[in-house]
């Protein structure tokens, strides 16, 4: 099982040298990947806090989860990480694709994949924050259908044989060139985020991977089995889809690190191919690095 880490939010992440320091050490520690979240804007007031699908997992309010309402933009940051790393896979878990312009997103992802020499993983999700969609002029009600079509658009634009055209419900374009195309012939790997029945069926249709969030190891295993059933119903093999989960581990000073290591092993035993770890809020990049050093030592 691969193990990656989340670039910490709300600390020094708007600082290039701090990100470089974090990436360099994570790579030296032997982690497999580094991950980013995706928000473009956050409203002053989140009117429907219950729309955040994972709030119940945390002993915190929305304002406590997003204390500074500060996020560096995911695609730009992934491109920066590509330039300051050599080996790490670079993941976004997940792009809220329906609120983005799909042709531009396809171009951005292909470019990052080329600059990183084929190390990008693009998680995709429908999103949950209506106010964010409204600020970008994106249609919130149609976000599921748009995500499905946007995947078709991106994979069309990544074909080796160009020019390409597209005629869909939401977007159409006449023959055009969109180069360079991704390093991998199959395109940038697209991982579908979420564990609702609809998300699992969407992943079975077109996902290269599945990324859950905050599922306990046994829950993850049950959802992975359900996903395999859907994948096989599509005439695909379950092994063709990477199974991943992003989860918070308690790694702060005084925490039971041995218990965290056992949790990692439990995920592997329940069929996880790629674990993404993030930690409880910290005050600095260095504090996050201390926690990831501790975890790596415990994992051996």
C-alpha atoms as a PDB file:
ATOM      1  CA  UNK A   1       0.000   0.000   0.000  1.00  0.00           C
ATOM      2  CA  UNK A   2       1.272   3.450  -0.901  1.00  0.00           C
ATOM      3  CA  UNK A   3       1.164   6.144   1.779  1.00  0.00           C
ATOM      4  CA  UNK A   4       0.908   9.837   1.006  1.00  0.00           C
ATOM      5  CA  UNK A   5       0.485  12.989   3.075  1.00  0.00           C
ATOM      6  CA  UNK A   6      -1.690  16.072   2.806  1.00  0.00           C
ATOM      7  CA  UNK A   7      -0.058  19.463   2.423  1.00  0.00           C
ATOM      8  CA  UNK A   8      -1.265  21.223   5.590  1.00  0.00           C
ATOM      9  CA  UNK A   9      -3.886  23.916   5.300  1.00  0.00           C
ATOM     10  CA  UNK A  10      -4.087  27.244   7.103  1.00  0.00           C
ATOM     11  CA  UNK A  11      -0.443  27.563   8.026  1.00  0.00           C
ATOM     12  CA  UNK A  12       2.503  28.749   5.917  1.00  0.00           C
ATOM     13  CA  UNK A  13       1.228  27.221   2.695  1.00  0.00           C
ATOM     14  CA  UNK A  14       1.029  30.536   0.875  1.00  0.00           C
ATOM     15  CA  UNK A  15       4.816  30.644   1.067  1.00  0.00           C
ATOM     16  CA  UNK A  16       6.862  29.034  -1.697  1.00  0.00           C
ATOM     17  CA  UNK A  17       9.987  28.247   0.347  1.00  0.00           C
ATOM     18  CA  UNK A  18       7.856  26.663   3.091  1.00  0.00           C
ATOM     19  CA  UNK A  19       6.148  24.401   0.572  1.00  0.00           C
ATOM     20  CA  UNK A  20       9.517  23.498  -0.947  1.00  0.00           C
ATOM     21  CA  UNK A  21      10.863  22.586   2.496  1.00  0.00           C
ATOM     22  CA  UNK A  22       7.814  20.438   3.209  1.00  0.00           C
ATOM     23  CA  UNK A  23       7.961  18.651  -0.156  1.00  0.00           C
ATOM     24  CA  UNK A  24      11.714  18.043   0.016  1.00  0.00           C
ATOM     25  CA  UNK A  25      11.522  16.403   3.427  1.00  0.00           C
ATOM     26  CA  UNK A  26       8.393  14.368   2.666  1.00  0.00           C
ATOM     27  CA  UNK A  27      10.181  13.016  -0.399  1.00  0.00           C
ATOM     28  CA  UNK A  28      13.327  12.244   1.606  1.00  0.00           C
ATOM     29  CA  UNK A  29      11.261  10.464   4.264  1.00  0.00           C
ATOM     30  CA  UNK A  30      10.070   8.050   1.592  1.00  0.00           C
ATOM     31  CA  UNK A  31       6.398   8.911   1.363  1.00  0.00           C
ATOM     32  CA  UNK A  32       4.807   8.088  -1.978  1.00  0.00           C
ATOM     33  CA  UNK A  33       2.655  11.145  -2.642  1.00  0.00           C
ATOM     34  CA  UNK A  34       1.599  14.603  -1.532  1.00  0.00           C
ATOM     35  CA  UNK A  35      -2.002  15.813  -1.721  1.00  0.00           C
ATOM     36  CA  UNK A  36      -3.900  19.076  -1.999  1.00  0.00           C
ATOM     37  CA  UNK A  37      -7.498  20.071  -1.382  1.00  0.00           C
ATOM     38  CA  UNK A  38      -9.552  22.309  -3.652  1.00  0.00           C
ATOM     39  CA  UNK A  39     -11.467  25.461  -2.838  1.00  0.00           C
ATOM     40  CA  UNK A  40     -11.354  28.623  -4.940  1.00  0.00           C
ATOM     41  CA  UNK A  41     -13.246  30.844  -2.498  1.00  0.00           C
ATOM     42  CA  UNK A  42     -14.997  30.404   0.840  1.00  0.00           C
ATOM     43  CA  UNK A  43     -17.913  32.626   1.827  1.00  0.00           C
ATOM     44  CA  UNK A  44     -17.858  34.757   4.949  1.00  0.00           C
ATOM     45  CA  UNK A  45     -20.864  32.772   6.133  1.00  0.00           C
ATOM     46  CA  UNK A  46     -21.571  29.190   5.107  1.00  0.00           C
ATOM     47  CA  UNK A  47     -25.344  29.275   5.231  1.00  0.00           C
ATOM     48  CA  UNK A  48     -25.998  25.561   5.060  1.00  0.00           C
ATOM     49  CA  UNK A  49     -23.299  24.012   7.215  1.00  0.00           C
ATOM     50  CA  UNK A  50     -24.999  20.629   7.056  1.00  0.00           C
ATOM     51  CA  UNK A  51     -24.150  20.432   3.338  1.00  0.00           C
ATOM     52  CA  UNK A  52     -20.545  19.605   4.265  1.00  0.00           C
ATOM     53  CA  UNK A  53     -20.748  15.821   3.914  1.00  0.00           C
ATOM     54  CA  UNK A  54     -18.090  14.945   6.493  1.00  0.00           C
ATOM     55  CA  UNK A  55     -18.863  17.394   9.308  1.00  0.00           C
ATOM     56  CA  UNK A  56     -20.242  14.613  11.486  1.00  0.00           C
ATOM     57  CA  UNK A  57     -16.815  12.972  11.471  1.00  0.00           C
ATOM     58  CA  UNK A  58     -15.245  15.865  13.351  1.00  0.00           C
ATOM     59  CA  UNK A  59     -15.773  17.322  16.788  1.00  0.00           C
ATOM     60  CA  UNK A  60     -15.767  20.814  15.320  1.00  0.00           C
ATOM     61  CA  UNK A  61     -17.943  23.386  13.624  1.00  0.00           C
ATOM     62  CA  UNK A  62     -17.559  24.524  10.028  1.00  0.00           C
ATOM     63  CA  UNK A  63     -15.828  27.704  11.219  1.00  0.00           C
ATOM     64  CA  UNK A  64     -13.410  25.630  13.296  1.00  0.00           C
ATOM     65  CA  UNK A  65     -12.662  23.386  10.316  1.00  0.00           C
ATOM     66  CA  UNK A  66     -12.005  26.404   8.091  1.00  0.00           C
ATOM     67  CA  UNK A  67     -10.674  28.943  10.606  1.00  0.00           C
ATOM     68  CA  UNK A  68      -8.879  31.245   8.181  1.00  0.00           C
ATOM     69  CA  UNK A  69     -10.945  30.460   5.108  1.00  0.00           C
ATOM     70  CA  UNK A  70      -7.629  30.425   3.257  1.00  0.00           C
ATOM     71  CA  UNK A  71      -6.750  27.971   0.481  1.00  0.00           C
ATOM     72  CA  UNK A  72      -3.998  28.236  -2.099  1.00  0.00           C
ATOM     73  CA  UNK A  73      -5.301  27.247  -5.540  1.00  0.00           C
ATOM     74  CA  UNK A  74      -4.809  23.548  -6.248  1.00  0.00           C
ATOM     75  CA  UNK A  75      -3.719  23.456  -9.910  1.00  0.00           C
ATOM     76  CA  UNK A  76      -1.214  26.294  -9.486  1.00  0.00           C
ATOM     77  CA  UNK A  77       0.236  24.673  -6.379  1.00  0.00           C
ATOM     78  CA  UNK A  78       0.461  21.260  -8.057  1.00  0.00           C
ATOM     79  CA  UNK A  79       2.478  22.863 -10.856  1.00  0.00           C
ATOM     80  CA  UNK A  80       4.822  24.415  -8.287  1.00  0.00           C
ATOM     81  CA  UNK A  81       5.249  21.074  -6.514  1.00  0.00           C
ATOM     82  CA  UNK A  82       6.099  19.456  -9.852  1.00  0.00           C
ATOM     83  CA  UNK A  83       9.055  21.809 -10.103  1.00  0.00           C
ATOM     84  CA  UNK A  84      10.414  21.211  -6.597  1.00  0.00           C
ATOM     85  CA  UNK A  85      10.058  17.419  -6.440  1.00  0.00           C
ATOM     86  CA  UNK A  86      11.536  14.475  -8.291  1.00  0.00           C
ATOM     87  CA  UNK A  87       9.643  11.345  -7.304  1.00  0.00           C
ATOM     88  CA  UNK A  88       6.451  12.119  -5.371  1.00  0.00           C
ATOM     89  CA  UNK A  89       3.103  11.594  -6.999  1.00  0.00           C
ATOM     90  CA  UNK A  90       1.091  14.802  -6.838  1.00  0.00           C
ATOM     91  CA  UNK A  91      -2.587  14.385  -6.041  1.00  0.00           C
ATOM     92  CA  UNK A  92      -5.551  16.704  -5.718  1.00  0.00           C
ATOM     93  CA  UNK A  93      -8.252  15.179  -3.569  1.00  0.00           C
ATOM     94  CA  UNK A  94     -10.464  16.369  -5.036  1.00  0.00           C
ATOM     95  CA  UNK A  95     -10.935  18.967  -7.761  1.00  0.00           C
ATOM     96  CA  UNK A  96     -14.490  20.289  -7.668  1.00  0.00           C
ATOM     97  CA  UNK A  97     -14.635  19.858 -11.423  1.00  0.00           C
ATOM     98  CA  UNK A  98     -18.212  21.073 -12.117  1.00  0.00           C
ATOM     99  CA  UNK A  99     -17.398  24.586 -10.898  1.00  0.00           C
ATOM    100  CA  UNK A 100     -14.412  24.829 -13.252  1.00  0.00           C
ATOM    101  CA  UNK A 101     -14.255  25.430 -17.007  1.00  0.00           C
ATOM    102  CA  UNK A 102     -13.581  21.921 -18.420  1.00  0.00           C
ATOM    103  CA  UNK A 103     -11.402  22.814 -21.429  1.00  0.00           C
ATOM    104  CA  UNK A 104      -9.154  24.960 -19.262  1.00  0.00           C
ATOM    105  CA  UNK A 105      -9.047  22.262 -16.566  1.00  0.00           C
ATOM    106  CA  UNK A 106      -8.057  19.645 -19.150  1.00  0.00           C
ATOM    107  CA  UNK A 107      -5.250  21.930 -20.338  1.00  0.00           C
ATOM    108  CA  UNK A 108      -4.041  22.611 -16.797  1.00  0.00           C
ATOM    109  CA  UNK A 109      -3.983  18.941 -15.840  1.00  0.00           C
ATOM    110  CA  UNK A 110      -2.200  17.872 -19.018  1.00  0.00           C
ATOM    111  CA  UNK A 111       0.411  20.594 -18.548  1.00  0.00           C
ATOM    112  CA  UNK A 112       1.084  19.620 -14.920  1.00  0.00           C
ATOM    113  CA  UNK A 113       1.357  15.983 -15.964  1.00  0.00           C
ATOM    114  CA  UNK A 114       3.956  16.894 -18.592  1.00  0.00           C
ATOM    115  CA  UNK A 115       5.914  19.138 -16.204  1.00  0.00           C
ATOM    116  CA  UNK A 116       5.919  16.410 -13.536  1.00  0.00           C
ATOM    117  CA  UNK A 117       6.806  13.669 -16.056  1.00  0.00           C
ATOM    118  CA  UNK A 118       3.584  11.763 -15.425  1.00  0.00           C
ATOM    119  CA  UNK A 119       3.183  12.112 -11.653  1.00  0.00           C
ATOM    120  CA  UNK A 120      -0.218  13.816 -11.404  1.00  0.00           C
ATOM    121  CA  UNK A 121      -3.363  12.208  -9.949  1.00  0.00           C
ATOM    122  CA  UNK A 122      -6.580  14.196 -10.337  1.00  0.00           C
ATOM    123  CA  UNK A 123      -9.359  13.407  -7.925  1.00  0.00           C
ATOM    124  CA  UNK A 124     -12.750  14.661  -9.066  1.00  0.00           C
ATOM    125  CA  UNK A 125     -15.866  15.391  -7.053  1.00  0.00           C
ATOM    126  CA  UNK A 126     -19.188  17.159  -7.358  1.00  0.00           C
ATOM    127  CA  UNK A 127     -18.581  19.613  -4.522  1.00  0.00           C
ATOM    128  CA  UNK A 128     -20.881  20.680  -1.705  1.00  0.00           C
ATOM    129  CA  UNK A 129     -20.594  24.459  -1.244  1.00  0.00           C
ATOM    130  CA  UNK A 130     -23.382  26.233  -3.132  1.00  0.00           C
ATOM    131  CA  UNK A 131     -21.991  29.696  -2.375  1.00  0.00           C
ATOM    132  CA  UNK A 132     -18.705  28.789  -4.039  1.00  0.00           C
ATOM    133  CA  UNK A 133     -20.488  27.647  -7.209  1.00  0.00           C
ATOM    134  CA  UNK A 134     -22.540  30.859  -7.248  1.00  0.00           C
ATOM    135  CA  UNK A 135     -19.419  33.025  -6.961  1.00  0.00           C
ATOM    136  CA  UNK A 136     -17.949  31.325 -10.047  1.00  0.00           C
ATOM    137  CA  UNK A 137     -21.162  31.457 -12.094  1.00  0.00           C
ATOM    138  CA  UNK A 138     -21.356  27.645 -12.054  1.00  0.00           C
ATOM    139  CA  UNK A 139     -24.563  25.622 -11.940  1.00  0.00           C
ATOM    140  CA  UNK A 140     -24.874  23.883  -8.572  1.00  0.00           C
ATOM    141  CA  UNK A 141     -28.028  21.878  -9.328  1.00  0.00           C
ATOM    142  CA  UNK A 142     -26.502  20.229 -12.416  1.00  0.00           C
ATOM    143  CA  UNK A 143     -23.105  19.513 -10.916  1.00  0.00           C
ATOM    144  CA  UNK A 144     -23.387  15.705 -11.089  1.00  0.00           C
ATOM    145  CA  UNK A 145     -24.381  15.616 -14.746  1.00  0.00           C
ATOM    146  CA  UNK A 146     -21.756  18.217 -15.567  1.00  0.00           C
ATOM    147  CA  UNK A 147     -19.029  16.209 -13.862  1.00  0.00           C
ATOM    148  CA  UNK A 148     -19.895  13.198 -16.009  1.00  0.00           C
ATOM    149  CA  UNK A 149     -19.728  15.241 -19.213  1.00  0.00           C
ATOM    150  CA  UNK A 150     -16.608  17.130 -18.184  1.00  0.00           C
ATOM    151  CA  UNK A 151     -14.768  13.820 -17.801  1.00  0.00           C
ATOM    152  CA  UNK A 152     -15.741  12.984 -21.380  1.00  0.00           C
ATOM    153  CA  UNK A 153     -14.498  16.391 -22.517  1.00  0.00           C
ATOM    154  CA  UNK A 154     -11.136  16.047 -20.795  1.00  0.00           C
ATOM    155  CA  UNK A 155     -10.483  12.573 -22.119  1.00  0.00           C
ATOM    156  CA  UNK A 156     -11.454  13.715 -25.605  1.00  0.00           C
ATOM    157  CA  UNK A 157      -8.989  16.608 -25.385  1.00  0.00           C
ATOM    158  CA  UNK A 158      -6.232  14.225 -24.234  1.00  0.00           C
ATOM    159  CA  UNK A 159      -6.397  11.987 -27.290  1.00  0.00           C
ATOM    160  CA  UNK A 160      -3.164  11.586 -29.196  1.00  0.00           C
ATOM    161  CA  UNK A 161      -4.878  12.038 -32.542  1.00  0.00           C
ATOM    162  CA  UNK A 162      -5.731  15.710 -32.881  1.00  0.00           C
ATOM    163  CA  UNK A 163      -7.669  17.846 -33.704  1.00  0.00           C
ATOM    164  CA  UNK A 164     -10.661  16.714 -31.635  1.00  0.00           C
ATOM    165  CA  UNK A 165     -14.257  17.888 -31.383  1.00  0.00           C
ATOM    166  CA  UNK A 166     -17.077  17.413 -28.899  1.00  0.00           C
ATOM    167  CA  UNK A 167     -20.848  17.715 -28.930  1.00  0.00           C
ATOM    168  CA  UNK A 168     -22.463  17.426 -25.512  1.00  0.00           C
ATOM    169  CA  UNK A 169     -25.386  18.688 -23.485  1.00  0.00           C
ATOM    170  CA  UNK A 170     -23.456  21.422 -21.703  1.00  0.00           C
ATOM    171  CA  UNK A 171     -20.448  22.061 -23.933  1.00  0.00           C
ATOM    172  CA  UNK A 172     -19.606  21.644 -27.608  1.00  0.00           C
ATOM    173  CA  UNK A 173     -16.644  22.662 -29.729  1.00  0.00           C
ATOM    174  CA  UNK A 174     -15.501  22.326 -33.314  1.00  0.00           C
ATOM    175  CA  UNK A 175     -12.209  20.546 -34.163  1.00  0.00           C
ATOM    176  CA  UNK A 176      -9.319  21.983 -32.182  1.00  0.00           C
ATOM    177  CA  UNK A 177      -5.869  21.138 -30.899  1.00  0.00           C
ATOM    178  CA  UNK A 178      -5.165  20.808 -27.168  1.00  0.00           C
ATOM    179  CA  UNK A 179      -1.514  19.911 -26.802  1.00  0.00           C
ATOM    180  CA  UNK A 180       0.639  18.796 -25.153  1.00  0.00           C
ATOM    181  CA  UNK A 181      -1.344  15.764 -24.135  1.00  0.00           C
ATOM    182  CA  UNK A 182      -0.595  13.921 -20.849  1.00  0.00           C
ATOM    183  CA  UNK A 183       2.503  11.758 -20.568  1.00  0.00           C
ATOM    184  CA  UNK A 184       0.478   8.598 -20.006  1.00  0.00           C
ATOM    185  CA  UNK A 185      -1.398   7.352 -23.045  1.00  0.00           C
ATOM    186  CA  UNK A 186      -4.515   6.771 -20.962  1.00  0.00           C
ATOM    187  CA  UNK A 187      -4.433  10.373 -19.752  1.00  0.00           C
ATOM    188  CA  UNK A 188      -4.144  11.791 -16.254  1.00  0.00           C
ATOM    189  CA  UNK A 189      -5.568   9.234 -13.794  1.00  0.00           C
ATOM    190  CA  UNK A 190      -9.013  10.417 -12.664  1.00  0.00           C
ATOM    191  CA  UNK A 191     -10.066   9.276  -9.199  1.00  0.00           C
ATOM    192  CA  UNK A 192     -13.700   9.744  -8.196  1.00  0.00           C
ATOM    193  CA  UNK A 193     -14.194  11.112  -4.707  1.00  0.00           C
ATOM    194  CA  UNK A 194     -16.927  10.185  -2.243  1.00  0.00           C
ATOM    195  CA  UNK A 195     -18.635   7.073  -0.958  1.00  0.00           C
ATOM    196  CA  UNK A 196     -22.309   7.686  -1.641  1.00  0.00           C
ATOM    197  CA  UNK A 197     -24.044   5.091  -3.841  1.00  0.00           C
ATOM    198  CA  UNK A 198     -24.032   7.578  -6.711  1.00  0.00           C
ATOM    199  CA  UNK A 199     -20.299   8.277  -6.317  1.00  0.00           C
ATOM    200  CA  UNK A 200     -19.459   4.561  -6.280  1.00  0.00           C
ATOM    201  CA  UNK A 201     -21.478   3.928  -9.446  1.00  0.00           C
ATOM    202  CA  UNK A 202     -19.851   6.930 -11.104  1.00  0.00           C
ATOM    203  CA  UNK A 203     -16.423   5.565 -10.226  1.00  0.00           C
ATOM    204  CA  UNK A 204     -17.354   2.153 -11.608  1.00  0.00           C
ATOM    205  CA  UNK A 205     -18.277   3.739 -14.942  1.00  0.00           C
ATOM    206  CA  UNK A 206     -15.174   5.784 -15.610  1.00  0.00           C
ATOM    207  CA  UNK A 207     -12.870   6.104 -12.595  1.00  0.00           C
ATOM    208  CA  UNK A 208      -9.218   5.147 -12.682  1.00  0.00           C
ATOM    209  CA  UNK A 209      -9.350   5.298  -8.895  1.00  0.00           C
ATOM    210  CA  UNK A 210     -11.661   5.889  -5.962  1.00  0.00           C
ATOM    211  CA  UNK A 211     -10.903   8.212  -3.069  1.00  0.00           C
ATOM    212  CA  UNK A 212     -12.969   8.030   0.080  1.00  0.00           C
ATOM    213  CA  UNK A 213     -12.531  10.334   3.043  1.00  0.00           C
ATOM    214  CA  UNK A 214     -12.766   9.611   6.746  1.00  0.00           C
ATOM    215  CA  UNK A 215     -13.982   6.034   6.488  1.00  0.00           C
ATOM    216  CA  UNK A 216     -12.772   3.690   9.215  1.00  0.00           C
ATOM    217  CA  UNK A 217     -10.844   0.684   7.877  1.00  0.00           C
ATOM    218  CA  UNK A 218     -13.772  -1.734   8.120  1.00  0.00           C
ATOM    219  CA  UNK A 219     -16.149   0.795   6.550  1.00  0.00           C
ATOM    220  CA  UNK A 220     -13.642   1.311   3.783  1.00  0.00           C
ATOM    221  CA  UNK A 221     -13.479  -2.422   3.146  1.00  0.00           C
ATOM    222  CA  UNK A 222     -17.266  -2.715   2.880  1.00  0.00           C
ATOM    223  CA  UNK A 223     -17.510   0.200   0.449  1.00  0.00           C
ATOM    224  CA  UNK A 224     -14.592  -1.178  -1.580  1.00  0.00           C
ATOM    225  CA  UNK A 225     -16.439  -4.489  -1.925  1.00  0.00           C
ATOM    226  CA  UNK A 226     -19.560  -2.664  -3.097  1.00  0.00           C
ATOM    227  CA  UNK A 227     -17.465  -0.710  -5.573  1.00  0.00           C
ATOM    228  CA  UNK A 228     -15.937  -3.912  -6.953  1.00  0.00           C
ATOM    229  CA  UNK A 229     -19.449  -5.250  -7.545  1.00  0.00           C
ATOM    230  CA  UNK A 230     -20.343  -2.107  -9.537  1.00  0.00           C
ATOM    231  CA  UNK A 231     -17.060  -2.236 -11.460  1.00  0.00           C
ATOM    232  CA  UNK A 232     -17.607  -5.841 -12.485  1.00  0.00           C
ATOM    233  CA  UNK A 233     -21.154  -4.971 -13.609  1.00  0.00           C
ATOM    234  CA  UNK A 234     -19.508  -2.514 -16.018  1.00  0.00           C
ATOM    235  CA  UNK A 235     -17.370  -5.303 -17.476  1.00  0.00           C
ATOM    236  CA  UNK A 236     -14.228  -4.072 -15.780  1.00  0.00           C
ATOM    237  CA  UNK A 237     -11.946  -5.742 -13.241  1.00  0.00           C
ATOM    238  CA  UNK A 238     -11.946  -4.444  -9.685  1.00  0.00           C
ATOM    239  CA  UNK A 239      -8.156  -4.422  -9.743  1.00  0.00           C
ATOM    240  CA  UNK A 240      -8.276  -1.842 -12.550  1.00  0.00           C
ATOM    241  CA  UNK A 241      -9.440   0.819 -10.065  1.00  0.00           C
ATOM    242  CA  UNK A 242      -7.121   2.114  -7.338  1.00  0.00           C
ATOM    243  CA  UNK A 243      -8.815   2.150  -3.915  1.00  0.00           C
ATOM    244  CA  UNK A 244      -7.796   5.069  -1.729  1.00  0.00           C
ATOM    245  CA  UNK A 245      -8.867   6.850   1.437  1.00  0.00           C
ATOM    246  CA  UNK A 246      -7.827  10.126   3.033  1.00  0.00           C
ATOM    247  CA  UNK A 247      -7.963  10.026   6.807  1.00  0.00           C
ATOM    248  CA  UNK A 248      -6.883  12.034   9.805  1.00  0.00           C
ATOM    249  CA  UNK A 249      -4.479  10.357  12.229  1.00  0.00           C
ATOM    250  CA  UNK A 250      -3.662  11.698  15.658  1.00  0.00           C
ATOM    251  CA  UNK A 251       0.075  12.377  15.546  1.00  0.00           C
ATOM    252  CA  UNK A 252       0.401  15.313  17.921  1.00  0.00           C
ATOM    253  CA  UNK A 253       2.844  15.132  20.861  1.00  0.00           C
ATOM    254  CA  UNK A 254       1.683  12.541  23.359  1.00  0.00           C
ATOM    255  CA  UNK A 255      -0.489  10.688  20.837  1.00  0.00           C
ATOM    256  CA  UNK A 256      -0.445   6.908  20.597  1.00  0.00           C
ATOM    257  CA  UNK A 257       1.663   6.592  17.451  1.00  0.00           C
ATOM    258  CA  UNK A 258       1.634   2.798  17.662  1.00  0.00           C
ATOM    259  CA  UNK A 259      -2.162   2.952  17.387  1.00  0.00           C
ATOM    260  CA  UNK A 260      -1.828   5.163  14.314  1.00  0.00           C
ATOM    261  CA  UNK A 261       0.529   2.605  12.750  1.00  0.00           C
ATOM    262  CA  UNK A 262      -1.980  -0.163  13.487  1.00  0.00           C
ATOM    263  CA  UNK A 263      -4.688   1.885  11.791  1.00  0.00           C
ATOM    264  CA  UNK A 264      -2.486   2.177   8.698  1.00  0.00           C
ATOM    265  CA  UNK A 265      -2.048  -1.606   8.699  1.00  0.00           C
ATOM    266  CA  UNK A 266      -5.819  -2.066   9.088  1.00  0.00           C
ATOM    267  CA  UNK A 267      -6.443  -0.001   5.957  1.00  0.00           C
ATOM    268  CA  UNK A 268      -4.028  -2.176   4.002  1.00  0.00           C
ATOM    269  CA  UNK A 269      -5.758  -5.311   5.291  1.00  0.00           C
ATOM    270  CA  UNK A 270      -9.105  -3.929   4.104  1.00  0.00           C
ATOM    271  CA  UNK A 271      -7.960  -3.458   0.519  1.00  0.00           C
ATOM    272  CA  UNK A 272      -6.627   0.075   0.501  1.00  0.00           C
ATOM    273  CA  UNK A 273      -4.084   0.660  -2.274  1.00  0.00           C
ATOM    274  CA  UNK A 274      -3.184   4.265  -1.450  1.00  0.00           C
ATOM    275  CA  UNK A 275      -3.628   5.895   1.957  1.00  0.00           C
ATOM    276  CA  UNK A 276      -3.526   9.684   2.314  1.00  0.00           C
ATOM    277  CA  UNK A 277      -2.791  10.954   5.823  1.00  0.00           C
ATOM    278  CA  UNK A 278      -3.489  14.347   7.302  1.00  0.00           C
ATOM    279  CA  UNK A 279      -3.141  15.441  10.899  1.00  0.00           C
ATOM    280  CA  UNK A 280      -4.968  17.493  13.464  1.00  0.00           C
ATOM    281  CA  UNK A 281      -4.502  21.271  13.007  1.00  0.00           C
ATOM    282  CA  UNK A 282      -1.018  22.553  13.715  1.00  0.00           C
ATOM    283  CA  UNK A 283       0.657  25.916  13.920  1.00  0.00           C
ATOM    284  CA  UNK A 284       3.378  25.526  11.326  1.00  0.00           C
ATOM    285  CA  UNK A 285       4.846  23.516   8.476  1.00  0.00           C
ATOM    286  CA  UNK A 286       7.593  22.344  10.824  1.00  0.00           C
ATOM    287  CA  UNK A 287       5.043  21.022  13.305  1.00  0.00           C
ATOM    288  CA  UNK A 288       3.399  19.028  10.511  1.00  0.00           C
ATOM    289  CA  UNK A 289       6.748  17.659   9.422  1.00  0.00           C
ATOM    290  CA  UNK A 290       7.478  16.525  12.980  1.00  0.00           C
ATOM    291  CA  UNK A 291       4.243  14.513  12.932  1.00  0.00           C
ATOM    292  CA  UNK A 292       5.000  12.900   9.586  1.00  0.00           C
ATOM    293  CA  UNK A 293       8.533  12.051  10.741  1.00  0.00           C
ATOM    294  CA  UNK A 294       7.012  10.335  13.770  1.00  0.00           C
ATOM    295  CA  UNK A 295       4.580   8.356  11.653  1.00  0.00           C
ATOM    296  CA  UNK A 296       7.264   7.260   9.206  1.00  0.00           C
ATOM    297  CA  UNK A 297       9.439   6.059  12.073  1.00  0.00           C
ATOM    298  CA  UNK A 298       6.521   4.049  13.455  1.00  0.00           C
ATOM    299  CA  UNK A 299       5.763   2.500  10.071  1.00  0.00           C
ATOM    300  CA  UNK A 300       9.375   1.467   9.595  1.00  0.00           C
END
